[in-house]
C-alpha atoms as a PDB file:
ATOM      1  CA  MET A   1     -52.329  57.800  16.899  1.00  0.00           C
ATOM      2  CA  ILE A   2     -53.485  54.216  17.381  1.00  0.00           C
ATOM      3  CA  CYS A   3     -52.989  53.547  13.671  1.00  0.00           C
ATOM      4  CA  LEU A   4     -49.425  54.915  13.815  1.00  0.00           C
ATOM      5  CA  LEU A   5     -48.620  52.679  16.841  1.00  0.00           C
ATOM      6  CA  LEU A   6     -49.921  49.576  15.066  1.00  0.00           C
ATOM      7  CA  LEU A   7     -47.859  50.416  11.989  1.00  0.00           C
ATOM      8  CA  LEU A   8     -44.656  50.652  14.047  1.00  0.00           C
ATOM      9  CA  ILE A   9     -45.279  47.273  15.782  1.00  0.00           C
ATOM     10  CA  ILE A  10     -45.942  45.495  12.463  1.00  0.00           C
ATOM     11  CA  SER A  11     -42.794  46.993  10.912  1.00  0.00           C
ATOM     12  CA  GLY A  12     -40.676  45.753  13.813  1.00  0.00           C
ATOM     13  CA  ILE A  13     -41.965  42.210  13.411  1.00  0.00           C
ATOM     14  CA  LEU A  14     -41.247  42.209   9.682  1.00  0.00           C
ATOM     15  CA  PHE A  15     -37.659  43.377  10.075  1.00  0.00           C
ATOM     16  CA  VAL A  16     -36.443  41.230  13.012  1.00  0.00           C
ATOM     17  CA  PRO A  17     -33.058  39.713  11.837  1.00  0.00           C
ATOM     18  CA  ASN A  18     -32.655  35.970  11.456  1.00  0.00           C
ATOM     19  CA  LEU A  19     -30.291  35.073  14.327  1.00  0.00           C
ATOM     20  CA  LYS A  20     -30.077  31.284  13.655  1.00  0.00           C
ATOM     21  CA  GLY A  21     -28.398  31.414  10.250  1.00  0.00           C
ATOM     22  CA  SER A  22     -29.839  30.265   6.981  1.00  0.00           C
ATOM     23  CA  GLY A  23     -29.914  26.762   5.571  1.00  0.00           C
ATOM     24  CA  THR A  24     -28.860  23.431   7.081  1.00  0.00           C
ATOM     25  CA  PRO A  25     -25.240  22.562   7.992  1.00  0.00           C
ATOM     26  CA  ALA A  26     -23.127  21.389   5.037  1.00  0.00           C
ATOM     27  CA  SER A  27     -23.259  17.626   4.636  1.00  0.00           C
ATOM     28  CA  ARG A  28     -20.045  15.769   5.619  1.00  0.00           C
ATOM     29  CA  HIS A  29     -18.739  12.436   4.481  1.00  0.00           C
ATOM     30  CA  ALA A  30     -16.379  10.286   6.501  1.00  0.00           C
ATOM     31  CA  ALA A  31     -12.824  10.913   5.375  1.00  0.00           C
ATOM     32  CA  SER A  32     -11.303   8.136   3.243  1.00  0.00           C
ATOM     33  CA  PRO A  33      -7.878   6.882   4.415  1.00  0.00           C
ATOM     34  CA  PHE A  34      -6.607   7.249   0.831  1.00  0.00           C
ATOM     35  CA  SER A  35      -6.851   9.879  -1.866  1.00  0.00           C
ATOM     36  CA  GLN A  36      -5.887   9.415  -5.491  1.00  0.00           C
ATOM     37  CA  THR A  37      -3.466  10.989  -7.910  1.00  0.00           C
ATOM     38  CA  ALA A  38      -4.843  12.535 -11.085  1.00  0.00           C
ATOM     39  CA  THR A  39      -4.147  10.567 -14.266  1.00  0.00           C
ATOM     40  CA  SER A  40      -5.508  10.433 -17.767  1.00  0.00           C
ATOM     41  CA  ASP A  41      -7.176   7.143 -16.944  1.00  0.00           C
ATOM     42  CA  PRO A  42     -10.818   6.979 -15.830  1.00  0.00           C
ATOM     43  CA  ALA A  43     -11.241   8.117 -12.261  1.00  0.00           C
ATOM     44  CA  VAL A  44     -10.840   5.474  -9.584  1.00  0.00           C
ATOM     45  CA  PRO A  45     -12.926   6.093  -6.462  1.00  0.00           C
ATOM     46  CA  ALA A  46     -11.191   6.558  -3.145  1.00  0.00           C
ATOM     47  CA  LEU A  47     -11.076   3.679  -0.709  1.00  0.00           C
ATOM     48  CA  SER A  48     -13.981   3.151   1.603  1.00  0.00           C
ATOM     49  CA  PRO A  49     -13.652   4.600   5.105  1.00  0.00           C
ATOM     50  CA  THR A  50     -11.924   2.401   7.636  1.00  0.00           C
ATOM     51  CA  PRO A  51     -14.548   0.209   9.340  1.00  0.00           C
ATOM     52  CA  SER A  52     -15.248   0.949  12.981  1.00  0.00           C
ATOM     53  CA  VAL A  53     -14.447  -2.671  13.866  1.00  0.00           C
ATOM     54  CA  THR A  54     -10.796  -3.409  13.015  1.00  0.00           C
ATOM     55  CA  PRO A  55     -10.460  -6.839  11.388  1.00  0.00           C
ATOM     56  CA  THR A  56      -8.197  -9.439  12.907  1.00  0.00           C
ATOM     57  CA  PRO A  57      -4.968  -9.324  10.887  1.00  0.00           C
ATOM     58  CA  LEU A  58      -3.770 -12.344   8.958  1.00  0.00           C
ATOM     59  CA  PHE A  59      -0.258 -11.324  10.024  1.00  0.00           C
ATOM     60  CA  PHE A  60       1.159  -8.450  12.063  1.00  0.00           C
ATOM     61  CA  ASP A  61       4.533  -7.513  13.488  1.00  0.00           C
ATOM     62  CA  ASP A  62       6.040  -4.288  14.801  1.00  0.00           C
ATOM     63  CA  PHE A  63       9.445  -5.909  15.424  1.00  0.00           C
ATOM     64  CA  ILE A  64       9.468  -5.849  19.186  1.00  0.00           C
ATOM     65  CA  GLU A  65      12.119  -8.304  20.428  1.00  0.00           C
ATOM     66  CA  ASN A  66      11.729 -10.510  17.337  1.00  0.00           C
ATOM     67  CA  SER A  67       8.578 -12.086  18.731  1.00  0.00           C
ATOM     68  CA  ALA A  68       7.654 -13.333  15.240  1.00  0.00           C
ATOM     69  CA  ASP A  69      10.990 -15.165  14.836  1.00  0.00           C
ATOM     70  CA  TRP A  70      12.403 -13.467  11.743  1.00  0.00           C
ATOM     71  CA  ALA A  71      15.500 -15.069  10.178  1.00  0.00           C
ATOM     72  CA  LEU A  72      18.221 -12.797  11.568  1.00  0.00           C
ATOM     73  CA  SER A  73      21.932 -12.960  10.744  1.00  0.00           C
ATOM     74  CA  GLY A  74      24.531 -14.401  13.071  1.00  0.00           C
ATOM     75  CA  GLN A  75      27.037 -12.175  14.837  1.00  0.00           C
ATOM     76  CA  ASN A  76      29.936 -13.185  12.577  1.00  0.00           C
ATOM     77  CA  ASP A  77      28.098 -13.089   9.264  1.00  0.00           C
ATOM     78  CA  THR A  78      30.378 -11.854   6.449  1.00  0.00           C
ATOM     79  CA  SER A  79      28.150 -12.689   3.484  1.00  0.00           C
ATOM     80  CA  GLY A  80      27.340  -9.070   2.606  1.00  0.00           C
ATOM     81  CA  TYR A  81      23.732  -9.747   3.611  1.00  0.00           C
ATOM     82  CA  LEU A  82      22.636  -8.679   7.076  1.00  0.00           C
ATOM     83  CA  ARG A  83      19.295  -9.091   8.829  1.00  0.00           C
ATOM     84  CA  THR A  84      19.332  -7.294  12.163  1.00  0.00           C
ATOM     85  CA  MET A  85      16.768  -5.922  14.580  1.00  0.00           C
ATOM     86  CA  VAL A  86      17.598  -2.520  16.098  1.00  0.00           C
ATOM     87  CA  ASN A  87      15.282  -0.210  18.074  1.00  0.00           C
ATOM     88  CA  ASN A  88      12.196  -2.240  17.170  1.00  0.00           C
ATOM     89  CA  GLN A  89      13.010  -2.143  13.462  1.00  0.00           C
ATOM     90  CA  LEU A  90      14.069  -4.851  11.022  1.00  0.00           C
ATOM     91  CA  VAL A  91      17.170  -3.505   9.232  1.00  0.00           C
ATOM     92  CA  LEU A  92      18.292  -5.006   5.918  1.00  0.00           C
ATOM     93  CA  PRO A  93      21.674  -3.806   4.554  1.00  0.00           C
ATOM     94  CA  ASP A  94      23.106  -5.378   1.389  1.00  0.00           C
ATOM     95  CA  THR A  95      26.538  -4.724  -0.118  1.00  0.00           C
ATOM     96  CA  ASN A  96      27.023  -7.587  -2.591  1.00  0.00           C
ATOM     97  CA  HIS A  97      25.046  -6.234  -5.578  1.00  0.00           C
ATOM     98  CA  GLN A  98      22.319  -8.837  -5.259  1.00  0.00           C
ATOM     99  CA  ILE A  99      18.883  -9.124  -3.662  1.00  0.00           C
ATOM    100  CA  LEU A 100      18.488  -9.722   0.063  1.00  0.00           C
ATOM    101  CA  ILE A 101      15.094 -11.353   0.715  1.00  0.00           C
ATOM    102  CA  GLU A 102      13.315 -11.679   4.054  1.00  0.00           C
ATOM    103  CA  SER A 103      10.117 -13.727   3.808  1.00  0.00           C
ATOM    104  CA  LEU A 104       7.345 -13.217   6.330  1.00  0.00           C
ATOM    105  CA  PRO A 105       7.957 -15.771   9.123  1.00  0.00           C
ATOM    106  CA  THR A 106       4.763 -17.727   8.597  1.00  0.00           C
ATOM    107  CA  ASN A 107       3.716 -20.880   6.779  1.00  0.00           C
ATOM    108  CA  THR A 108       0.611 -19.085   5.506  1.00  0.00           C
ATOM    109  CA  THR A 109       0.334 -18.267   1.833  1.00  0.00           C
ATOM    110  CA  PHE A 110      -1.787 -15.281   0.844  1.00  0.00           C
ATOM    111  CA  SER A 111      -4.354 -14.857  -1.908  1.00  0.00           C
ATOM    112  CA  ASP A 112      -6.672 -11.878  -1.289  1.00  0.00           C
ATOM    113  CA  PHE A 113      -5.279  -9.388   1.205  1.00  0.00           C
ATOM    114  CA  SER A 114      -4.481  -5.799   2.138  1.00  0.00           C
ATOM    115  CA  LEU A 115      -0.809  -5.369   3.047  1.00  0.00           C
ATOM    116  CA  THR A 116       0.556  -2.258   4.781  1.00  0.00           C
ATOM    117  CA  VAL A 117       4.289  -1.808   5.355  1.00  0.00           C
ATOM    118  CA  THR A 118       6.111   1.134   6.943  1.00  0.00           C
ATOM    119  CA  PHE A 119       9.750   1.470   5.907  1.00  0.00           C
ATOM    120  CA  THR A 120      12.650   3.913   5.717  1.00  0.00           C
ATOM    121  CA  PHE A 121      15.105   3.962   2.806  1.00  0.00           C
ATOM    122  CA  LEU A 122      18.351   4.564   4.676  1.00  0.00           C
ATOM    123  CA  LYS A 123      20.925   4.396   1.899  1.00  0.00           C
ATOM    124  CA  GLY A 124      20.981   3.781  -1.835  1.00  0.00           C
ATOM    125  CA  ASP A 125      21.094   5.333  -5.283  1.00  0.00           C
ATOM    126  CA  GLU A 126      18.786   5.278  -8.303  1.00  0.00           C
ATOM    127  CA  ASN A 127      19.665   1.645  -9.063  1.00  0.00           C
ATOM    128  CA  ASP A 128      19.069   0.395  -5.522  1.00  0.00           C
ATOM    129  CA  SER A 129      15.607  -0.530  -4.325  1.00  0.00           C
ATOM    130  CA  VAL A 130      13.542  -1.714  -1.392  1.00  0.00           C
ATOM    131  CA  GLY A 131      10.261  -3.489  -1.810  1.00  0.00           C
ATOM    132  CA  LEU A 132       7.869  -6.407  -1.642  1.00  0.00           C
ATOM    133  CA  TYR A 133       7.317  -9.789  -3.225  1.00  0.00           C
ATOM    134  CA  LEU A 134       3.630 -10.734  -3.518  1.00  0.00           C
ATOM    135  CA  ARG A 135       1.984 -14.113  -4.209  1.00  0.00           C
ATOM    136  CA  GLY A 136       5.398 -15.655  -4.760  1.00  0.00           C
ATOM    137  CA  ASP A 137       6.137 -19.342  -5.100  1.00  0.00           C
ATOM    138  CA  SER A 138       8.515 -21.069  -2.682  1.00  0.00           C
ATOM    139  CA  ASN A 139      11.647 -19.954  -4.577  1.00  0.00           C
ATOM    140  CA  LEU A 140      10.244 -16.591  -5.698  1.00  0.00           C
ATOM    141  CA  ASP A 141      10.684 -17.655  -9.322  1.00  0.00           C
ATOM    142  CA  HIS A 142       7.099 -16.652 -10.086  1.00  0.00           C
ATOM    143  CA  ASP A 143       5.736 -13.602  -8.283  1.00  0.00           C
ATOM    144  CA  TYR A 144       4.643  -9.988  -8.371  1.00  0.00           C
ATOM    145  CA  ARG A 145       7.225  -7.502  -7.149  1.00  0.00           C
ATOM    146  CA  ILE A 146       7.084  -3.839  -6.113  1.00  0.00           C
ATOM    147  CA  ASP A 147      10.319  -1.804  -6.181  1.00  0.00           C
ATOM    148  CA  ILE A 148      10.859   1.592  -4.544  1.00  0.00           C
ATOM    149  CA  PHE A 149      14.084   3.097  -5.906  1.00  0.00           C
ATOM    150  CA  GLY A 150      16.545   5.451  -4.259  1.00  0.00           C
ATOM    151  CA  ASP A 151      15.541   8.330  -6.550  1.00  0.00           C
ATOM    152  CA  ASN A 152      11.819   8.158  -5.589  1.00  0.00           C
ATOM    153  CA  ARG A 153      10.612   6.020  -8.485  1.00  0.00           C
ATOM    154  CA  PHE A 154       8.419   2.945  -8.141  1.00  0.00           C
ATOM    155  CA  ALA A 155       7.673  -0.024 -10.365  1.00  0.00           C
ATOM    156  CA  ILE A 156       5.369  -3.055 -10.342  1.00  0.00           C
ATOM    157  CA  LYS A 157       6.806  -6.155 -12.001  1.00  0.00           C
ATOM    158  CA  LYS A 158       5.870  -9.752 -12.732  1.00  0.00           C
ATOM    159  CA  GLU A 159       8.619 -12.363 -12.596  1.00  0.00           C
ATOM    160  CA  LEU A 160       8.733 -15.836 -14.118  1.00  0.00           C
ATOM    161  CA  LEU A 161      11.160 -18.463 -15.367  1.00  0.00           C
ATOM    162  CA  ASN A 162      11.635 -19.130 -19.056  1.00  0.00           C
ATOM    163  CA  PRO A 163      11.850 -22.740 -20.285  1.00  0.00           C
ATOM    164  CA  ASP A 164      15.665 -22.450 -20.152  1.00  0.00           C
ATOM    165  CA  LYS A 165      15.411 -21.399 -16.453  1.00  0.00           C
ATOM    166  CA  THR A 166      16.441 -17.798 -17.109  1.00  0.00           C
ATOM    167  CA  VAL A 167      14.490 -15.106 -15.299  1.00  0.00           C
ATOM    168  CA  GLN A 168      11.992 -13.020 -17.235  1.00  0.00           C
ATOM    169  CA  THR A 169      10.742  -9.753 -15.746  1.00  0.00           C
ATOM    170  CA  ASN A 170       7.682  -8.005 -17.174  1.00  0.00           C
ATOM    171  CA  ILE A 171       7.062  -4.380 -16.174  1.00  0.00           C
ATOM    172  CA  LEU A 172       3.388  -3.965 -15.282  1.00  0.00           C
ATOM    173  CA  LYS A 173       3.753  -0.357 -14.084  1.00  0.00           C
ATOM    174  CA  GLY A 174       6.664   2.062 -14.055  1.00  0.00           C
ATOM    175  CA  GLN A 175       9.373   2.906 -13.531  1.00  0.00           C
ATOM    176  CA  THR A 176       7.423   5.962 -12.423  1.00  0.00           C
ATOM    177  CA  PRO A 177       8.665   9.001 -10.438  1.00  0.00           C
ATOM    178  CA  SER A 178       6.429   9.849  -7.473  1.00  0.00           C
ATOM    179  CA  SER A 179       6.473  13.055  -5.446  1.00  0.00           C
ATOM    180  CA  LEU A 180       4.519  11.133  -2.792  1.00  0.00           C
ATOM    181  CA  LEU A 181       7.619   9.222  -1.753  1.00  0.00           C
ATOM    182  CA  LEU A 182       9.500  10.957   1.034  1.00  0.00           C
ATOM    183  CA  PRO A 183      13.289  11.185   0.630  1.00  0.00           C
ATOM    184  CA  ASN A 184      15.829   8.880   2.238  1.00  0.00           C
ATOM    185  CA  ASN A 185      15.787   8.644   6.037  1.00  0.00           C
ATOM    186  CA  GLN A 186      12.082   9.477   6.236  1.00  0.00           C
ATOM    187  CA  VAL A 187       9.306   6.971   6.916  1.00  0.00           C
ATOM    188  CA  ASN A 188       7.096   5.892   4.003  1.00  0.00           C
ATOM    189  CA  THR A 189       4.021   3.672   3.990  1.00  0.00           C
ATOM    190  CA  LEU A 190       3.050   1.266   1.220  1.00  0.00           C
ATOM    191  CA  THR A 191      -0.371  -0.334   1.005  1.00  0.00           C
ATOM    192  CA  VAL A 192      -1.087  -3.072  -1.525  1.00  0.00           C
ATOM    193  CA  MET A 193      -4.529  -4.591  -1.958  1.00  0.00           C
ATOM    194  CA  MET A 194      -5.025  -7.741  -4.021  1.00  0.00           C
ATOM    195  CA  LYS A 195      -8.306  -9.451  -4.737  1.00  0.00           C
ATOM    196  CA  GLY A 196      -8.606 -11.974  -7.538  1.00  0.00           C
ATOM    197  CA  PRO A 197      -6.843 -10.459 -10.588  1.00  0.00           C
ATOM    198  CA  PHE A 198      -7.056  -6.888  -9.229  1.00  0.00           C
ATOM    199  CA  MET A 199      -4.210  -4.966  -7.585  1.00  0.00           C
ATOM    200  CA  VAL A 200      -4.203  -1.458  -6.067  1.00  0.00           C
ATOM    201  CA  LEU A 201      -1.044   0.273  -4.797  1.00  0.00           C
ATOM    202  CA  ALA A 202      -1.058   3.302  -2.488  1.00  0.00           C
ATOM    203  CA  ILE A 203       1.953   5.352  -1.364  1.00  0.00           C
ATOM    204  CA  ASN A 204       1.584   7.351   1.839  1.00  0.00           C
ATOM    205  CA  GLY A 205      -2.196   7.246   1.612  1.00  0.00           C
ATOM    206  CA  THR A 206      -2.644   8.027  -2.102  1.00  0.00           C
ATOM    207  CA  ILE A 207      -3.514   5.500  -4.792  1.00  0.00           C
ATOM    208  CA  VAL A 208      -0.840   5.552  -7.488  1.00  0.00           C
ATOM    209  CA  ALA A 209      -1.536   2.421  -9.534  1.00  0.00           C
ATOM    210  CA  SER A 210      -4.330  -0.021 -10.315  1.00  0.00           C
ATOM    211  CA  LEU A 211      -3.895  -3.015 -12.591  1.00  0.00           C
ATOM    212  CA  ILE A 212      -5.301  -6.374 -13.615  1.00  0.00           C
ATOM    213  CA  ASP A 213      -3.264  -9.581 -13.919  1.00  0.00           C
ATOM    214  CA  ALA A 214      -4.564 -13.082 -13.290  1.00  0.00           C
ATOM    215  CA  ASP A 215      -1.391 -15.193 -13.561  1.00  0.00           C
ATOM    216  CA  TYR A 216      -0.616 -15.679  -9.863  1.00  0.00           C
ATOM    217  CA  ALA A 217      -3.425 -16.357  -7.416  1.00  0.00           C
ATOM    218  CA  ARG A 218      -1.681 -17.246  -4.149  1.00  0.00           C
ATOM    219  CA  GLY A 219       1.769 -17.292  -2.610  1.00  0.00           C
ATOM    220  CA  GLN A 220       4.174 -15.926  -0.035  1.00  0.00           C
ATOM    221  CA  ILE A 221       4.901 -12.298   0.886  1.00  0.00           C
ATOM    222  CA  ALA A 222       8.501 -11.184   1.361  1.00  0.00           C
ATOM    223  CA  LEU A 223      10.441  -7.985   2.025  1.00  0.00           C
ATOM    224  CA  PHE A 224      13.643  -7.225   0.145  1.00  0.00           C
ATOM    225  CA  VAL A 225      16.440  -4.778  -0.596  1.00  0.00           C
ATOM    226  CA  ASN A 226      18.311  -4.889  -3.902  1.00  0.00           C
ATOM    227  CA  ASN A 227      21.854  -3.533  -4.271  1.00  0.00           C
ATOM    228  CA  GLY A 228      22.326  -2.407  -7.867  1.00  0.00           C
ATOM    229  CA  SER A 229      25.551  -2.114  -9.811  1.00  0.00           C
ATOM    230  CA  THR A 230      26.398   1.540  -9.147  1.00  0.00           C
ATOM    231  CA  SER A 231      26.538   1.928  -5.353  1.00  0.00           C
ATOM    232  CA  ASP A 232      28.563   0.392  -2.548  1.00  0.00           C
ATOM    233  CA  GLY A 233      25.448  -0.718  -0.694  1.00  0.00           C
ATOM    234  CA  VAL A 234      21.756  -0.343   0.048  1.00  0.00           C
ATOM    235  CA  SER A 235      20.040  -0.285   3.419  1.00  0.00           C
ATOM    236  CA  ALA A 236      16.424  -0.025   4.580  1.00  0.00           C
ATOM    237  CA  SER A 237      14.551  -0.493   7.838  1.00  0.00           C
ATOM    238  CA  PHE A 238      11.009  -1.758   8.391  1.00  0.00           C
ATOM    239  CA  SER A 239       8.990  -0.667  11.420  1.00  0.00           C
ATOM    240  CA  SER A 240       5.745  -2.589  10.867  1.00  0.00           C
ATOM    241  CA  VAL A 241       4.119  -5.145   8.579  1.00  0.00           C
ATOM    242  CA  ARG A 242       0.394  -5.847   8.642  1.00  0.00           C
ATOM    243  CA  VAL A 243      -1.668  -8.168   6.441  1.00  0.00           C
ATOM    244  CA  ASP A 244      -5.453  -7.886   6.643  1.00  0.00           C
ATOM    245  CA  PRO A 245      -8.225  -9.573   4.687  1.00  0.00           C
ATOM    246  CA  ALA A 246      -8.926  -7.781   1.425  1.00  0.00           C
ATOM    247  CA  PRO A 247     -11.871  -5.373   1.417  1.00  0.00           C
ATOM    248  CA  ASN A 248     -15.071  -6.592  -0.176  1.00  0.00           C
ATOM    249  CA  GLN A 249     -14.382  -4.464  -3.255  1.00  0.00           C
ATOM    250  CA  LEU A 250     -11.207  -2.710  -4.354  1.00  0.00           C
ATOM    251  CA  PRO A 251     -11.529   0.928  -5.439  1.00  0.00           C
ATOM    252  CA  GLY A 252     -12.072   1.320  -9.168  1.00  0.00           C
ATOM    253  CA  PHE A 253     -12.886  -2.340  -9.740  1.00  0.00           C
ATOM    254  CA  PRO A 254     -16.100  -4.364  -9.804  1.00  0.00           C
ATOM    255  CA  ALA A 255     -16.927  -6.757  -7.014  1.00  0.00           C
ATOM    256  CA  TYR A 256     -14.947  -9.994  -7.089  1.00  0.00           C
ATOM    257  CA  PRO A 257     -15.977 -12.685  -7.504  1.00  0.00           C
ATOM    258  CA  PRO A 258     -18.731 -11.165  -9.638  1.00  0.00           C
ATOM    259  CA  THR A 259     -22.294 -11.661  -8.525  1.00  0.00           C
ATOM    260  CA  PRO A 260     -23.816 -14.381 -10.705  1.00  0.00           C
ATOM    261  CA  THR A 261     -26.730 -13.349 -12.853  1.00  0.00           C
ATOM    262  CA  VAL A 262     -29.847 -15.467 -12.958  1.00  0.00           C
ATOM    263  CA  THR A 263     -31.443 -15.839 -16.357  1.00  0.00           C
ATOM    264  CA  PRO A 264     -35.196 -16.304 -16.084  1.00  0.00           C
ATOM    265  CA  GLN A 265     -36.434 -19.494 -17.617  1.00  0.00           C
ATOM    266  CA  ASN A 266     -39.341 -19.419 -20.008  1.00  0.00           C
END
């Protein structure tokens, strides 16, 4: 009888269920603010998580009461270009089949930076665009330029003047359709990071292009709308512009400037 009792107690101990669950909790990594589209190119790592301490911006405006002193149009302007501020947004309509440019209202020129712009394409067709000039000279004769077209394509260009003063435009990326771009009358966000010769472009949080070009190192930043030849006008609104220092290293690229190597001396 005693032996049978001991056997029952031992069996109960051996078959007590594990109530705490097995293994350790799955490891978690901080979410990156950007993902990346799949391409045939080598994988580019996602951006580093946003630092807990927000850096002081090099420039910021959310268009409240024109506190930054943007160059707005007069009340009786009939040029076909308009620069207005409505409901805390900078609105740029253009009906003369040319480019309407609005430079950032600062004397600062920018070299290495991270630029984030929120905008809404209000009106335009496949030949109209809204976008950014980057590292441009004073007349925007030499610059990088990003176009977002009315049919949800994007392009990255490099502009320069030929010896005869005609404009030359080199396509660095595009014109590429992107399902990441939301249709007209919806808010989109562009982020452009430039550091040395490296450039990374993200649309609504996803990296869509990375490239290398060393021709222009510093210059102005400007917003624009471009009315093409096939519509009666283009219009876009901007709700915020922020320029921060560039991160220490852009995703998919080596550190810049590169760390010097020390050759041991014999």
